[in-house]
Amino acid sequence: MHSNSPSFLAPNPLLFPVPSSITNLSLAFPSPTPVGRVDQHFVRQAPHLGFWQKLYESGEYKRWILYGVEAYGIFSIGEMLGRRHVVGYELDESR
């Protein structure tokens, strides 16, 4: 382990032996550059019909649908947590 790694990340080598190639990884936040490139590519390609045909023919559209459903689900869970209700907002009915 690196000397600057928190000790709680170090597994017990007697109970769970881990190869040194895994334990010597350093953690860092991902760079926003690849995300920006993907966004730019999509914005340039989306208006063209050939892009959508290729997406359909390759079956890649299924993954995009799954990503959309996943994003909607995460958004919905965030809304539920923010409202502190599963369905609807609490309304003031005294008026």
PDB file of N, CA and C in Angstrom:
ATOM      1  N   MET A   1       0.835  -1.191   0.000  1.00  0.00           N
ATOM      2  CA  MET A   1       0.000   0.000   0.000  1.00  0.00           C
ATOM      3  C   MET A   1       0.874   1.246   0.000  1.00  0.00           C
ATOM      4  N   HIS A   2       0.323   2.305  -0.560  1.00  0.00           N
ATOM      5  CA  HIS A   2       1.021   3.581  -0.515  1.00  0.00           C
ATOM      6  C   HIS A   2       0.994   4.105   0.906  1.00  0.00           C
ATOM      7  N   SER A   3       2.012   4.848   1.249  1.00  0.00           N
ATOM      8  CA  SER A   3       2.078   5.380   2.603  1.00  0.00           C
ATOM      9  C   SER A   3       1.000   6.422   2.857  1.00  0.00           C
ATOM     10  N   ASN A   4       0.483   7.071   1.793  1.00  0.00           N
ATOM     11  CA  ASN A   4      -0.539   8.091   1.983  1.00  0.00           C
ATOM     12  C   ASN A   4      -1.955   7.532   1.863  1.00  0.00           C
ATOM     13  N   SER A   5      -2.120   6.226   1.704  1.00  0.00           N
ATOM     14  CA  SER A   5      -3.439   5.613   1.605  1.00  0.00           C
ATOM     15  C   SER A   5      -4.046   5.468   2.989  1.00  0.00           C
ATOM     16  N   PRO A   6      -5.365   5.712   3.103  1.00  0.00           N
ATOM     17  CA  PRO A   6      -6.018   5.499   4.390  1.00  0.00           C
ATOM     18  C   PRO A   6      -5.946   4.028   4.783  1.00  0.00           C
ATOM     19  N   SER A   7      -5.793   3.758   6.051  1.00  0.00           N
ATOM     20  CA  SER A   7      -5.628   2.378   6.511  1.00  0.00           C
ATOM     21  C   SER A   7      -6.900   1.568   6.355  1.00  0.00           C
ATOM     22  N   PHE A   8      -8.082   2.224   6.343  1.00  0.00           N
ATOM     23  CA  PHE A   8      -9.323   1.468   6.213  1.00  0.00           C
ATOM     24  C   PHE A   8      -9.483   0.862   4.817  1.00  0.00           C
ATOM     25  N   LEU A   9      -8.705   1.328   3.835  1.00  0.00           N
ATOM     26  CA  LEU A   9      -8.768   0.753   2.495  1.00  0.00           C
ATOM     27  C   LEU A   9      -7.878  -0.475   2.346  1.00  0.00           C
ATOM     28  N   ALA A  10      -7.017  -0.699   3.319  1.00  0.00           N
ATOM     29  CA  ALA A  10      -6.086  -1.825   3.237  1.00  0.00           C
ATOM     30  C   ALA A  10      -6.770  -3.093   3.703  1.00  0.00           C
ATOM     31  N   PRO A  11      -6.927  -4.101   2.820  1.00  0.00           N
ATOM     32  CA  PRO A  11      -7.546  -5.350   3.250  1.00  0.00           C
ATOM     33  C   PRO A  11      -6.590  -6.150   4.121  1.00  0.00           C
ATOM     34  N   ASN A  12      -7.131  -6.990   4.958  1.00  0.00           N
ATOM     35  CA  ASN A  12      -6.319  -7.871   5.794  1.00  0.00           C
ATOM     36  C   ASN A  12      -5.752  -8.961   4.891  1.00  0.00           C
ATOM     37  N   PRO A  13      -4.429  -9.015   4.682  1.00  0.00           N
ATOM     38  CA  PRO A  13      -3.863  -9.984   3.744  1.00  0.00           C
ATOM     39  C   PRO A  13      -4.046 -11.434   4.192  1.00  0.00           C
ATOM     40  N   LEU A  14      -4.278 -11.650   5.477  1.00  0.00           N
ATOM     41  CA  LEU A  14      -4.487 -13.019   5.947  1.00  0.00           C
ATOM     42  C   LEU A  14      -5.887 -13.530   5.604  1.00  0.00           C
ATOM     43  N   LEU A  15      -6.873 -12.639   5.656  1.00  0.00           N
ATOM     44  CA  LEU A  15      -8.245 -13.035   5.364  1.00  0.00           C
ATOM     45  C   LEU A  15      -8.582 -12.927   3.881  1.00  0.00           C
ATOM     46  N   PHE A  16      -8.015 -11.939   3.224  1.00  0.00           N
ATOM     47  CA  PHE A  16      -8.369 -11.668   1.837  1.00  0.00           C
ATOM     48  C   PHE A  16      -7.121 -11.270   1.067  1.00  0.00           C
ATOM     49  N   PRO A  17      -6.379 -12.236   0.550  1.00  0.00           N
ATOM     50  CA  PRO A  17      -5.160 -11.889  -0.186  1.00  0.00           C
ATOM     51  C   PRO A  17      -5.499 -11.176  -1.499  1.00  0.00           C
ATOM     52  N   VAL A  18      -4.880 -10.037  -1.708  1.00  0.00           N
ATOM     53  CA  VAL A  18      -5.127  -9.224  -2.890  1.00  0.00           C
ATOM     54  C   VAL A  18      -3.808  -9.022  -3.620  1.00  0.00           C
ATOM     55  N   PRO A  19      -3.787  -9.235  -4.926  1.00  0.00           N
ATOM     56  CA  PRO A  19      -2.547  -9.011  -5.680  1.00  0.00           C
ATOM     57  C   PRO A  19      -2.089  -7.554  -5.569  1.00  0.00           C
ATOM     58  N   SER A  20      -0.785  -7.352  -5.545  1.00  0.00           N
ATOM     59  CA  SER A  20      -0.249  -5.998  -5.402  1.00  0.00           C
ATOM     60  C   SER A  20      -0.611  -5.111  -6.582  1.00  0.00           C
ATOM     61  N   SER A  21      -0.895  -5.693  -7.746  1.00  0.00           N
ATOM     62  CA  SER A  21      -1.282  -4.874  -8.897  1.00  0.00           C
ATOM     63  C   SER A  21      -2.610  -4.170  -8.652  1.00  0.00           C
ATOM     64  N   ILE A  22      -3.449  -4.717  -7.787  1.00  0.00           N
ATOM     65  CA  ILE A  22      -4.725  -4.084  -7.463  1.00  0.00           C
ATOM     66  C   ILE A  22      -4.556  -3.086  -6.330  1.00  0.00           C
ATOM     67  N   THR A  23      -3.790  -3.432  -5.326  1.00  0.00           N
ATOM     68  CA  THR A  23      -3.663  -2.556  -4.161  1.00  0.00           C
ATOM     69  C   THR A  23      -2.797  -1.332  -4.422  1.00  0.00           C
ATOM     70  N   ASN A  24      -2.019  -1.318  -5.475  1.00  0.00           N
ATOM     71  CA  ASN A  24      -1.151  -0.182  -5.763  1.00  0.00           C
ATOM     72  C   ASN A  24      -1.807   0.851  -6.675  1.00  0.00           C
ATOM     73  N   LEU A  25      -3.120   0.770  -6.859  1.00  0.00           N
ATOM     74  CA  LEU A  25      -3.819   1.747  -7.680  1.00  0.00           C
ATOM     75  C   LEU A  25      -4.042   3.021  -6.886  1.00  0.00           C
ATOM     76  N   SER A  26      -3.960   4.145  -7.554  1.00  0.00           N
ATOM     77  CA  SER A  26      -4.277   5.404  -6.892  1.00  0.00           C
ATOM     78  C   SER A  26      -5.643   5.861  -7.380  1.00  0.00           C
ATOM     79  N   LEU A  27      -6.442   6.390  -6.476  1.00  0.00           N
ATOM     80  CA  LEU A  27      -7.792   6.818  -6.798  1.00  0.00           C
ATOM     81  C   LEU A  27      -7.801   8.297  -7.153  1.00  0.00           C
ATOM     82  N   ALA A  28      -8.570   8.654  -8.165  1.00  0.00           N
ATOM     83  CA  ALA A  28      -8.706  10.049  -8.564  1.00  0.00           C
ATOM     84  C   ALA A  28     -10.058  10.233  -9.245  1.00  0.00           C
ATOM     85  N   PHE A  29     -10.567  11.451  -9.223  1.00  0.00           N
ATOM     86  CA  PHE A  29     -11.814  11.745  -9.911  1.00  0.00           C
ATOM     87  C   PHE A  29     -11.591  11.671 -11.415  1.00  0.00           C
ATOM     88  N   PRO A  30     -12.601  11.236 -12.174  1.00  0.00           N
ATOM     89  CA  PRO A  30     -12.441  11.176 -13.625  1.00  0.00           C
ATOM     90  C   PRO A  30     -12.354  12.575 -14.223  1.00  0.00           C
ATOM     91  N   SER A  31     -11.669  12.661 -15.318  1.00  0.00           N
ATOM     92  CA  SER A  31     -11.529  13.932 -16.019  1.00  0.00           C
ATOM     93  C   SER A  31     -12.812  14.224 -16.790  1.00  0.00           C
ATOM     94  N   PRO A  32     -13.278  15.467 -16.816  1.00  0.00           N
ATOM     95  CA  PRO A  32     -14.500  15.789 -17.564  1.00  0.00           C
ATOM     96  C   PRO A  32     -14.278  15.824 -19.078  1.00  0.00           C
ATOM     97  N   THR A  33     -13.037  15.726 -19.532  1.00  0.00           N
ATOM     98  CA  THR A  33     -12.742  15.825 -20.962  1.00  0.00           C
ATOM     99  C   THR A  33     -13.446  14.758 -21.801  1.00  0.00           C
ATOM    100  N   PRO A  34     -13.390  13.465 -21.441  1.00  0.00           N
ATOM    101  CA  PRO A  34     -14.078  12.474 -22.278  1.00  0.00           C
ATOM    102  C   PRO A  34     -15.578  12.699 -22.361  1.00  0.00           C
ATOM    103  N   VAL A  35     -16.194  13.157 -21.277  1.00  0.00           N
ATOM    104  CA  VAL A  35     -17.637  13.411 -21.289  1.00  0.00           C
ATOM    105  C   VAL A  35     -17.946  14.526 -22.271  1.00  0.00           C
ATOM    106  N   GLY A  36     -17.138  15.565 -22.277  1.00  0.00           N
ATOM    107  CA  GLY A  36     -17.344  16.672 -23.213  1.00  0.00           C
ATOM    108  C   GLY A  36     -17.224  16.227 -24.653  1.00  0.00           C
ATOM    109  N   ARG A  37     -16.271  15.325 -24.925  1.00  0.00           N
ATOM    110  CA  ARG A  37     -16.112  14.819 -26.286  1.00  0.00           C
ATOM    111  C   ARG A  37     -17.329  14.021 -26.725  1.00  0.00           C
ATOM    112  N   VAL A  38     -17.872  13.226 -25.835  1.00  0.00           N
ATOM    113  CA  VAL A  38     -19.064  12.434 -26.164  1.00  0.00           C
ATOM    114  C   VAL A  38     -20.237  13.357 -26.445  1.00  0.00           C
ATOM    115  N   ASP A  39     -20.421  14.379 -25.608  1.00  0.00           N
ATOM    116  CA  ASP A  39     -21.504  15.335 -25.824  1.00  0.00           C
ATOM    117  C   ASP A  39     -21.362  16.035 -27.172  1.00  0.00           C
ATOM    118  N   GLN A  40     -20.165  16.477 -27.490  1.00  0.00           N
ATOM    119  CA  GLN A  40     -19.941  17.165 -28.766  1.00  0.00           C
ATOM    120  C   GLN A  40     -20.221  16.235 -29.937  1.00  0.00           C
ATOM    121  N   HIS A  41     -19.787  14.987 -29.827  1.00  0.00           N
ATOM    122  CA  HIS A  41     -20.019  14.016 -30.898  1.00  0.00           C
ATOM    123  C   HIS A  41     -21.517  13.802 -31.096  1.00  0.00           C
ATOM    124  N   PHE A  42     -22.252  13.638 -30.008  1.00  0.00           N
ATOM    125  CA  PHE A  42     -23.688  13.408 -30.115  1.00  0.00           C
ATOM    126  C   PHE A  42     -24.391  14.616 -30.728  1.00  0.00           C
ATOM    127  N   VAL A  43     -24.034  15.810 -30.284  1.00  0.00           N
ATOM    128  CA  VAL A  43     -24.684  17.023 -30.805  1.00  0.00           C
ATOM    129  C   VAL A  43     -24.430  17.173 -32.303  1.00  0.00           C
ATOM    130  N   ARG A  44     -23.220  16.810 -32.755  1.00  0.00           N
ATOM    131  CA  ARG A  44     -22.918  16.912 -34.190  1.00  0.00           C
ATOM    132  C   ARG A  44     -23.630  15.837 -35.004  1.00  0.00           C
ATOM    133  N   GLN A  45     -23.760  14.622 -34.455  1.00  0.00           N
ATOM    134  CA  GLN A  45     -24.285  13.496 -35.222  1.00  0.00           C
ATOM    135  C   GLN A  45     -25.800  13.340 -35.138  1.00  0.00           C
ATOM    136  N   ALA A  46     -26.428  13.778 -34.061  1.00  0.00           N
ATOM    137  CA  ALA A  46     -27.854  13.538 -33.829  1.00  0.00           C
ATOM    138  C   ALA A  46     -28.774  14.070 -34.936  1.00  0.00           C
ATOM    139  N   PRO A  47     -28.499  15.210 -35.546  1.00  0.00           N
ATOM    140  CA  PRO A  47     -29.415  15.694 -36.582  1.00  0.00           C
ATOM    141  C   PRO A  47     -29.422  14.849 -37.866  1.00  0.00           C
ATOM    142  N   HIS A  48     -28.442  13.977 -38.038  1.00  0.00           N
ATOM    143  CA  HIS A  48     -28.336  13.202 -39.272  1.00  0.00           C
ATOM    144  C   HIS A  48     -29.056  11.869 -39.142  1.00  0.00           C
ATOM    145  N   LEU A  49     -29.873  11.541 -40.134  1.00  0.00           N
ATOM    146  CA  LEU A  49     -30.652  10.310 -40.128  1.00  0.00           C
ATOM    147  C   LEU A  49     -29.756   9.075 -40.108  1.00  0.00           C
ATOM    148  N   GLY A  50     -28.606   9.134 -40.763  1.00  0.00           N
ATOM    149  CA  GLY A  50     -27.689   7.994 -40.802  1.00  0.00           C
ATOM    150  C   GLY A  50     -27.205   7.588 -39.421  1.00  0.00           C
ATOM    151  N   PHE A  51     -27.041   8.558 -38.539  1.00  0.00           N
ATOM    152  CA  PHE A  51     -26.624   8.259 -37.164  1.00  0.00           C
ATOM    153  C   PHE A  51     -27.647   7.382 -36.477  1.00  0.00           C
ATOM    154  N   TRP A  52     -28.931   7.726 -36.625  1.00  0.00           N
ATOM    155  CA  TRP A  52     -29.995   6.966 -35.970  1.00  0.00           C
ATOM    156  C   TRP A  52     -30.174   5.595 -36.617  1.00  0.00           C
ATOM    157  N   GLN A  53     -30.003   5.515 -37.935  1.00  0.00           N
ATOM    158  CA  GLN A  53     -30.096   4.216 -38.612  1.00  0.00           C
ATOM    159  C   GLN A  53     -28.992   3.283 -38.143  1.00  0.00           C
ATOM    160  N   LYS A  54     -27.776   3.804 -38.039  1.00  0.00           N
ATOM    161  CA  LYS A  54     -26.652   2.995 -37.578  1.00  0.00           C
ATOM    162  C   LYS A  54     -26.875   2.545 -36.132  1.00  0.00           C
ATOM    163  N   LEU A  55     -27.413   3.445 -35.323  1.00  0.00           N
ATOM    164  CA  LEU A  55     -27.700   3.127 -33.927  1.00  0.00           C
ATOM    165  C   LEU A  55     -28.715   1.989 -33.836  1.00  0.00           C
ATOM    166  N   TYR A  56     -29.734   2.035 -34.685  1.00  0.00           N
ATOM    167  CA  TYR A  56     -30.769   0.996 -34.677  1.00  0.00           C
ATOM    168  C   TYR A  56     -30.232  -0.326 -35.214  1.00  0.00           C
ATOM    169  N   GLU A  57     -29.507  -0.272 -36.314  1.00  0.00           N
ATOM    170  CA  GLU A  57     -29.005  -1.498 -36.946  1.00  0.00           C
ATOM    171  C   GLU A  57     -27.985  -2.218 -36.058  1.00  0.00           C
ATOM    172  N   SER A  58     -27.200  -1.467 -35.316  1.00  0.00           N
ATOM    173  CA  SER A  58     -26.192  -2.095 -34.462  1.00  0.00           C
ATOM    174  C   SER A  58     -26.785  -2.596 -33.141  1.00  0.00           C
ATOM    175  N   GLY A  59     -27.990  -2.191 -32.825  1.00  0.00           N
ATOM    176  CA  GLY A  59     -28.610  -2.581 -31.563  1.00  0.00           C
ATOM    177  C   GLY A  59     -28.173  -1.714 -30.398  1.00  0.00           C
ATOM    178  N   GLU A  60     -27.371  -0.708 -30.682  1.00  0.00           N
ATOM    179  CA  GLU A  60     -26.856   0.185 -29.639  1.00  0.00           C
ATOM    180  C   GLU A  60     -27.977   1.007 -29.000  1.00  0.00           C
ATOM    181  N   TYR A  61     -29.087   1.153 -29.714  1.00  0.00           N
ATOM    182  CA  TYR A  61     -30.202   1.934 -29.177  1.00  0.00           C
ATOM    183  C   TYR A  61     -30.719   1.333 -27.873  1.00  0.00           C
ATOM    184  N   LYS A  62     -30.585   0.013 -27.707  1.00  0.00           N
ATOM    185  CA  LYS A  62     -31.054  -0.639 -26.477  1.00  0.00           C
ATOM    186  C   LYS A  62     -30.276  -0.120 -25.270  1.00  0.00           C
ATOM    187  N   ARG A  63     -28.981   0.052 -25.450  1.00  0.00           N
ATOM    188  CA  ARG A  63     -28.162   0.573 -24.354  1.00  0.00           C
ATOM    189  C   ARG A  63     -28.546   2.015 -24.051  1.00  0.00           C
ATOM    190  N   TRP A  64     -28.821   2.806 -25.081  1.00  0.00           N
ATOM    191  CA  TRP A  64     -29.210   4.199 -24.877  1.00  0.00           C
ATOM    192  C   TRP A  64     -30.543   4.280 -24.150  1.00  0.00           C
ATOM    193  N   ILE A  65     -31.469   3.397 -24.481  1.00  0.00           N
ATOM    194  CA  ILE A  65     -32.758   3.367 -23.776  1.00  0.00           C
ATOM    195  C   ILE A  65     -32.527   3.018 -22.314  1.00  0.00           C
ATOM    196  N   LEU A  66     -31.671   2.040 -22.076  1.00  0.00           N
ATOM    197  CA  LEU A  66     -31.363   1.647 -20.704  1.00  0.00           C
ATOM    198  C   LEU A  66     -30.740   2.807 -19.927  1.00  0.00           C
ATOM    199  N   TYR A  67     -29.830   3.543 -20.553  1.00  0.00           N
ATOM    200  CA  TYR A  67     -29.238   4.712 -19.891  1.00  0.00           C
ATOM    201  C   TYR A  67     -30.308   5.749 -19.563  1.00  0.00           C
ATOM    202  N   GLY A  68     -31.235   5.959 -20.470  1.00  0.00           N
ATOM    203  CA  GLY A  68     -32.314   6.917 -20.229  1.00  0.00           C
ATOM    204  C   GLY A  68     -33.208   6.497 -19.077  1.00  0.00           C
ATOM    205  N   VAL A  69     -33.556   5.212 -19.031  1.00  0.00           N
ATOM    206  CA  VAL A  69     -34.379   4.700 -17.934  1.00  0.00           C
ATOM    207  C   VAL A  69     -33.629   4.819 -16.610  1.00  0.00           C
ATOM    208  N   GLU A  70     -32.340   4.532 -16.642  1.00  0.00           N
ATOM    209  CA  GLU A  70     -31.523   4.645 -15.436  1.00  0.00           C
ATOM    210  C   GLU A  70     -31.464   6.094 -14.953  1.00  0.00           C
ATOM    211  N   ALA A  71     -31.260   7.031 -15.868  1.00  0.00           N
ATOM    212  CA  ALA A  71     -31.204   8.447 -15.492  1.00  0.00           C
ATOM    213  C   ALA A  71     -32.540   8.904 -14.923  1.00  0.00           C
ATOM    214  N   TYR A  72     -33.636   8.471 -15.553  1.00  0.00           N
ATOM    215  CA  TYR A  72     -34.968   8.830 -15.050  1.00  0.00           C
ATOM    216  C   TYR A  72     -35.187   8.247 -13.657  1.00  0.00           C
ATOM    217  N   GLY A  73     -34.749   7.019 -13.434  1.00  0.00           N
ATOM    218  CA  GLY A  73     -34.897   6.386 -12.127  1.00  0.00           C
ATOM    219  C   GLY A  73     -34.118   7.118 -11.054  1.00  0.00           C
ATOM    220  N   ILE A  74     -32.885   7.494 -11.366  1.00  0.00           N
ATOM    221  CA  ILE A  74     -32.071   8.237 -10.399  1.00  0.00           C
ATOM    222  C   ILE A  74     -32.711   9.584 -10.100  1.00  0.00           C
ATOM    223  N   PHE A  75     -33.213  10.253 -11.138  1.00  0.00           N
ATOM    224  CA  PHE A  75     -33.895  11.530 -10.946  1.00  0.00           C
ATOM    225  C   PHE A  75     -35.128  11.350 -10.067  1.00  0.00           C
ATOM    226  N   SER A  76     -35.911  10.298 -10.331  1.00  0.00           N
ATOM    227  CA  SER A  76     -37.137  10.056  -9.558  1.00  0.00           C
ATOM    228  C   SER A  76     -36.827   9.783  -8.094  1.00  0.00           C
ATOM    229  N   ILE A  77     -35.792   9.009  -7.835  1.00  0.00           N
ATOM    230  CA  ILE A  77     -35.406   8.735  -6.449  1.00  0.00           C
ATOM    231  C   ILE A  77     -34.983  10.027  -5.756  1.00  0.00           C
ATOM    232  N   GLY A  78     -34.247  10.873  -6.463  1.00  0.00           N
ATOM    233  CA  GLY A  78     -33.856  12.167  -5.900  1.00  0.00           C
ATOM    234  C   GLY A  78     -35.058  13.039  -5.595  1.00  0.00           C
ATOM    235  N   GLU A  79     -36.049  13.018  -6.470  1.00  0.00           N
ATOM    236  CA  GLU A  79     -37.272  13.781  -6.222  1.00  0.00           C
ATOM    237  C   GLU A  79     -38.008  13.245  -4.998  1.00  0.00           C
ATOM    238  N   MET A  80     -38.091  11.927  -4.886  1.00  0.00           N
ATOM    239  CA  MET A  80     -38.770  11.330  -3.735  1.00  0.00           C
ATOM    240  C   MET A  80     -38.064  11.703  -2.433  1.00  0.00           C
ATOM    241  N   LEU A  81     -36.742  11.660  -2.458  1.00  0.00           N
ATOM    242  CA  LEU A  81     -35.986  12.030  -1.257  1.00  0.00           C
ATOM    243  C   LEU A  81     -36.169  13.507  -0.940  1.00  0.00           C
ATOM    244  N   GLY A  82     -36.164  14.344  -1.972  1.00  0.00           N
ATOM    245  CA  GLY A  82     -36.320  15.780  -1.756  1.00  0.00           C
ATOM    246  C   GLY A  82     -37.697  16.150  -1.234  1.00  0.00           C
ATOM    247  N   ARG A  83     -38.728  15.473  -1.729  1.00  0.00           N
ATOM    248  CA  ARG A  83     -40.100  15.747  -1.274  1.00  0.00           C
ATOM    249  C   ARG A  83     -40.409  15.059   0.042  1.00  0.00           C
ATOM    250  N   ARG A  84     -39.653  13.986   0.321  1.00  0.00           N
ATOM    251  CA  ARG A  84     -39.902  13.119   1.471  1.00  0.00           C
ATOM    252  C   ARG A  84     -41.255  12.441   1.370  1.00  0.00           C
ATOM    253  N   HIS A  85     -41.705  12.238   0.136  1.00  0.00           N
ATOM    254  CA  HIS A  85     -42.917  11.486  -0.173  1.00  0.00           C
ATOM    255  C   HIS A  85     -42.656  10.682  -1.429  1.00  0.00           C
ATOM    256  N   VAL A  86     -43.250   9.495  -1.503  1.00  0.00           N
ATOM    257  CA  VAL A  86     -43.066   8.677  -2.695  1.00  0.00           C
ATOM    258  C   VAL A  86     -43.927   9.199  -3.836  1.00  0.00           C
ATOM    259  N   VAL A  87     -45.146   9.613  -3.527  1.00  0.00           N
ATOM    260  CA  VAL A  87     -46.055  10.089  -4.568  1.00  0.00           C
ATOM    261  C   VAL A  87     -46.552  11.473  -4.196  1.00  0.00           C
ATOM    262  N   GLY A  88     -46.400  12.421  -5.094  1.00  0.00           N
ATOM    263  CA  GLY A  88     -46.964  13.752  -4.923  1.00  0.00           C
ATOM    264  C   GLY A  88     -46.280  14.592  -3.870  1.00  0.00           C
ATOM    265  N   TYR A  89     -46.703  15.841  -3.826  1.00  0.00           N
ATOM    266  CA  TYR A  89     -46.201  16.785  -2.842  1.00  0.00           C
ATOM    267  C   TYR A  89     -47.232  16.930  -1.738  1.00  0.00           C
ATOM    268  N   GLU A  90     -46.786  17.259  -0.547  1.00  0.00           N
ATOM    269  CA  GLU A  90     -47.702  17.510   0.543  1.00  0.00           C
ATOM    270  C   GLU A  90     -48.313  18.890   0.318  1.00  0.00           C
ATOM    271  N   LEU A  91     -49.632  18.952   0.248  1.00  0.00           N
ATOM    272  CA  LEU A  91     -50.320  20.195  -0.043  1.00  0.00           C
ATOM    273  C   LEU A  91     -50.949  20.763   1.225  1.00  0.00           C
ATOM    274  N   ASP A  92     -50.985  22.067   1.279  1.00  0.00           N
ATOM    275  CA  ASP A  92     -51.671  22.738   2.393  1.00  0.00           C
ATOM    276  C   ASP A  92     -53.141  22.856   2.012  1.00  0.00           C
ATOM    277  N   GLU A  93     -53.979  21.984   2.586  1.00  0.00           N
ATOM    278  CA  GLU A  93     -55.404  21.937   2.224  1.00  0.00           C
ATOM    279  C   GLU A  93     -56.260  22.774   3.155  1.00  0.00           C
ATOM    280  N   SER A  94     -55.668  23.575   4.026  1.00  0.00           N
ATOM    281  CA  SER A  94     -56.445  24.377   4.972  1.00  0.00           C
ATOM    282  C   SER A  94     -57.068  25.589   4.299  1.00  0.00           C
ATOM    283  N   ARG A  95     -56.654  25.909   3.081  1.00  0.00           N
ATOM    284  CA  ARG A  95     -57.198  27.088   2.393  1.00  0.00           C
ATOM    285  C   ARG A  95     -58.495  26.788   1.736  1.00  0.00           C
TER     286      ARG A  95
END
